[in-house]
Amino acid sequence: MRKLIMTIAFLALVGTSAAVAQTARSPNEAPVGHRQPRADQVPSEKNLMNPNDPVNRENAELDRKIKGICRGC
């Protein structure tokens, strides 16, 4: 009987600590790996296609040289 009571007490203790851990963060906040970026964290589309950017110029030149062949192949 004593083993049964100790087992029940242990399970109750473990169960309550898990419940407390789940409610520790705010309910509207996702786990770290699952968060969506905010608008201020996303680069603007204007900067992505800037023809004067050296990287974009190099990419355009490479695209002309390989003429539509997949880069990753």
N, C-alpha and C. Protein backbone atom coordinates (compact mmCIF):
# COMPACT_ATOMS: atom_id res chain seq x y z
N MET A 1 0.82 -1.19 0.00
CA MET A 1 0.00 0.00 0.00
C MET A 1 0.87 1.26 0.00
N ARG A 2 1.97 1.17 0.75
CA ARG A 2 2.85 2.32 0.83
C ARG A 2 3.47 2.65 -0.54
N LYS A 3 3.82 1.58 -1.31
CA LYS A 3 4.37 1.79 -2.65
C LYS A 3 3.37 2.49 -3.56
N LEU A 4 2.11 2.11 -3.43
CA LEU A 4 1.06 2.70 -4.24
C LEU A 4 0.92 4.19 -3.94
N ILE A 5 0.92 4.54 -2.68
CA ILE A 5 0.79 5.95 -2.29
C ILE A 5 2.00 6.75 -2.77
N MET A 6 3.20 6.18 -2.65
CA MET A 6 4.40 6.88 -3.11
C MET A 6 4.37 7.07 -4.64
N THR A 7 3.89 6.06 -5.34
CA THR A 7 3.80 6.16 -6.80
C THR A 7 2.80 7.24 -7.20
N ILE A 8 1.66 7.27 -6.56
CA ILE A 8 0.65 8.29 -6.85
C ILE A 8 1.18 9.68 -6.54
N ALA A 9 1.86 9.83 -5.43
CA ALA A 9 2.43 11.13 -5.06
C ALA A 9 3.48 11.57 -6.07
N PHE A 10 4.31 10.63 -6.50
CA PHE A 10 5.34 10.96 -7.49
C PHE A 10 4.71 11.39 -8.81
N LEU A 11 3.72 10.65 -9.27
CA LEU A 11 3.06 11.00 -10.53
C LEU A 11 2.34 12.34 -10.43
N ALA A 12 1.75 12.63 -9.29
CA ALA A 12 1.08 13.92 -9.12
C ALA A 12 2.10 15.05 -9.14
N LEU A 13 3.24 14.84 -8.54
CA LEU A 13 4.29 15.86 -8.52
C LEU A 13 4.85 16.10 -9.92
N VAL A 14 5.09 15.05 -10.65
CA VAL A 14 5.62 15.17 -12.01
C VAL A 14 4.58 15.82 -12.91
N GLY A 15 3.33 15.46 -12.78
CA GLY A 15 2.26 16.01 -13.62
C GLY A 15 2.06 17.49 -13.39
N THR A 16 2.17 17.95 -12.16
CA THR A 16 1.97 19.37 -11.88
C THR A 16 3.15 20.20 -12.37
N SER A 17 4.38 19.66 -12.32
CA SER A 17 5.52 20.44 -12.79
C SER A 17 5.45 20.59 -14.32
N ALA A 18 4.94 19.60 -15.02
CA ALA A 18 4.80 19.71 -16.47
C ALA A 18 3.74 20.75 -16.82
N ALA A 19 2.68 20.80 -16.04
CA ALA A 19 1.63 21.77 -16.30
C ALA A 19 2.13 23.19 -16.05
N VAL A 20 2.94 23.37 -15.03
CA VAL A 20 3.49 24.68 -14.73
C VAL A 20 4.45 25.10 -15.84
N ALA A 21 5.25 24.16 -16.36
CA ALA A 21 6.20 24.48 -17.42
C ALA A 21 5.48 24.89 -18.70
N GLN A 22 4.33 24.32 -18.97
CA GLN A 22 3.60 24.67 -20.18
C GLN A 22 2.98 26.05 -20.10
N THR A 23 2.63 26.50 -18.93
CA THR A 23 1.99 27.80 -18.79
C THR A 23 2.97 28.90 -18.43
N ALA A 24 4.28 28.61 -18.43
CA ALA A 24 5.27 29.60 -18.03
C ALA A 24 5.37 30.75 -19.02
N ARG A 25 5.26 30.47 -20.31
CA ARG A 25 5.33 31.56 -21.29
C ARG A 25 3.92 32.03 -21.62
N SER A 26 3.84 33.16 -22.27
CA SER A 26 2.53 33.71 -22.59
C SER A 26 1.83 32.81 -23.61
N PRO A 27 0.52 32.71 -23.56
CA PRO A 27 -0.19 31.79 -24.45
C PRO A 27 -0.14 32.20 -25.92
N ASN A 28 0.17 33.44 -26.23
CA ASN A 28 0.22 33.90 -27.62
C ASN A 28 1.60 33.79 -28.23
N GLU A 29 2.57 33.29 -27.48
CA GLU A 29 3.94 33.25 -27.95
C GLU A 29 4.31 31.81 -28.37
N ALA A 30 4.82 31.65 -29.58
CA ALA A 30 5.19 30.34 -30.10
C ALA A 30 6.57 29.96 -29.58
N PRO A 31 6.90 28.68 -29.62
CA PRO A 31 8.27 28.27 -29.26
C PRO A 31 9.28 28.92 -30.18
N VAL A 32 10.53 28.97 -29.76
CA VAL A 32 11.55 29.72 -30.47
C VAL A 32 11.69 29.31 -31.93
N GLY A 33 11.69 28.05 -32.25
CA GLY A 33 11.87 27.61 -33.62
C GLY A 33 10.65 27.76 -34.50
N HIS A 34 9.53 28.18 -33.95
CA HIS A 34 8.28 28.23 -34.69
C HIS A 34 7.73 29.64 -34.85
N ARG A 35 8.51 30.62 -34.54
CA ARG A 35 8.02 32.00 -34.60
C ARG A 35 8.01 32.52 -36.03
N GLN A 36 7.03 33.34 -36.35
CA GLN A 36 6.96 34.01 -37.64
C GLN A 36 7.77 35.31 -37.55
N PRO A 37 8.49 35.68 -38.60
CA PRO A 37 9.23 36.94 -38.55
C PRO A 37 8.28 38.13 -38.56
N ARG A 38 8.66 39.17 -37.85
CA ARG A 38 7.88 40.40 -37.86
C ARG A 38 8.24 41.20 -39.11
N ALA A 39 7.44 42.19 -39.43
CA ALA A 39 7.66 42.99 -40.63
C ALA A 39 9.01 43.70 -40.60
N ASP A 40 9.47 44.13 -39.42
CA ASP A 40 10.75 44.82 -39.35
C ASP A 40 11.95 43.87 -39.49
N GLN A 41 11.71 42.56 -39.41
CA GLN A 41 12.79 41.58 -39.55
C GLN A 41 12.94 41.07 -40.98
N VAL A 42 12.03 41.41 -41.85
CA VAL A 42 12.05 40.94 -43.24
C VAL A 42 12.62 42.04 -44.13
N PRO A 43 13.59 41.71 -44.99
CA PRO A 43 14.14 42.74 -45.86
C PRO A 43 13.11 43.19 -46.89
N SER A 44 13.20 44.43 -47.29
CA SER A 44 12.24 44.94 -48.26
C SER A 44 12.51 44.33 -49.63
N GLU A 45 11.47 44.21 -50.44
CA GLU A 45 11.61 43.62 -51.77
C GLU A 45 12.40 44.52 -52.70
N LYS A 46 12.41 45.81 -52.45
CA LYS A 46 13.15 46.74 -53.30
C LYS A 46 14.65 46.45 -53.24
N ASN A 47 15.15 46.11 -52.06
CA ASN A 47 16.58 45.84 -51.91
C ASN A 47 16.97 44.48 -52.50
N LEU A 48 16.02 43.57 -52.60
CA LEU A 48 16.35 42.24 -53.11
C LEU A 48 16.65 42.26 -54.60
N MET A 49 16.03 43.13 -55.35
CA MET A 49 16.20 43.15 -56.79
C MET A 49 16.93 44.41 -57.27
N ASN A 50 17.76 45.00 -56.45
CA ASN A 50 18.51 46.19 -56.81
C ASN A 50 19.56 45.82 -57.87
N PRO A 51 19.46 46.34 -59.10
CA PRO A 51 20.42 45.96 -60.15
C PRO A 51 21.83 46.48 -59.89
N ASN A 52 21.98 47.46 -59.02
CA ASN A 52 23.31 48.01 -58.73
C ASN A 52 24.04 47.23 -57.64
N ASP A 53 23.35 46.30 -57.00
CA ASP A 53 23.98 45.49 -55.96
C ASP A 53 24.97 44.53 -56.62
N PRO A 54 26.22 44.47 -56.13
CA PRO A 54 27.23 43.60 -56.78
C PRO A 54 26.81 42.13 -56.81
N VAL A 55 26.17 41.66 -55.79
CA VAL A 55 25.74 40.26 -55.76
C VAL A 55 24.67 40.02 -56.82
N ASN A 56 23.73 40.94 -56.96
CA ASN A 56 22.68 40.78 -57.96
C ASN A 56 23.26 40.86 -59.37
N ARG A 57 24.24 41.72 -59.58
CA ARG A 57 24.88 41.80 -60.89
C ARG A 57 25.60 40.49 -61.23
N GLU A 58 26.29 39.96 -60.23
CA GLU A 58 27.01 38.70 -60.42
C GLU A 58 26.03 37.55 -60.70
N ASN A 59 24.91 37.53 -59.99
CA ASN A 59 23.89 36.50 -60.23
C ASN A 59 23.29 36.62 -61.62
N ALA A 60 23.03 37.84 -62.07
CA ALA A 60 22.47 38.05 -63.40
C ALA A 60 23.45 37.60 -64.47
N GLU A 61 24.73 37.90 -64.28
CA GLU A 61 25.75 37.49 -65.24
C GLU A 61 25.86 35.97 -65.30
N LEU A 62 25.81 35.33 -64.15
CA LEU A 62 25.87 33.87 -64.10
C LEU A 62 24.64 33.26 -64.77
N ASP A 63 23.47 33.85 -64.55
CA ASP A 63 22.25 33.36 -65.20
C ASP A 63 22.36 33.46 -66.72
N ARG A 64 22.98 34.53 -67.23
CA ARG A 64 23.15 34.66 -68.68
C ARG A 64 24.11 33.61 -69.22
N LYS A 65 25.16 33.29 -68.45
CA LYS A 65 26.15 32.32 -68.90
C LYS A 65 25.60 30.89 -68.95
N ILE A 66 24.81 30.53 -67.93
CA ILE A 66 24.34 29.14 -67.90
C ILE A 66 23.03 28.97 -68.65
N LYS A 67 22.38 30.05 -69.03
CA LYS A 67 21.18 30.05 -69.87
C LYS A 67 20.11 29.07 -69.38
N GLY A 68 19.70 29.20 -68.16
CA GLY A 68 18.56 28.45 -67.65
C GLY A 68 18.88 27.08 -67.08
N ILE A 69 20.16 26.67 -67.05
CA ILE A 69 20.50 25.39 -66.42
C ILE A 69 20.42 25.56 -64.92
N CYS A 70 19.92 24.56 -64.26
CA CYS A 70 19.76 24.61 -62.80
C CYS A 70 21.13 24.77 -62.13
N ARG A 71 21.24 25.73 -61.22
CA ARG A 71 22.51 25.97 -60.51
C ARG A 71 22.86 24.83 -59.58
N GLY A 72 21.86 24.21 -58.96
CA GLY A 72 22.13 23.19 -57.96
C GLY A 72 22.45 21.82 -58.53
N CYS A 73 22.37 21.65 -59.87
CA CYS A 73 22.59 20.34 -60.48
C CYS A 73 24.06 20.04 -60.64
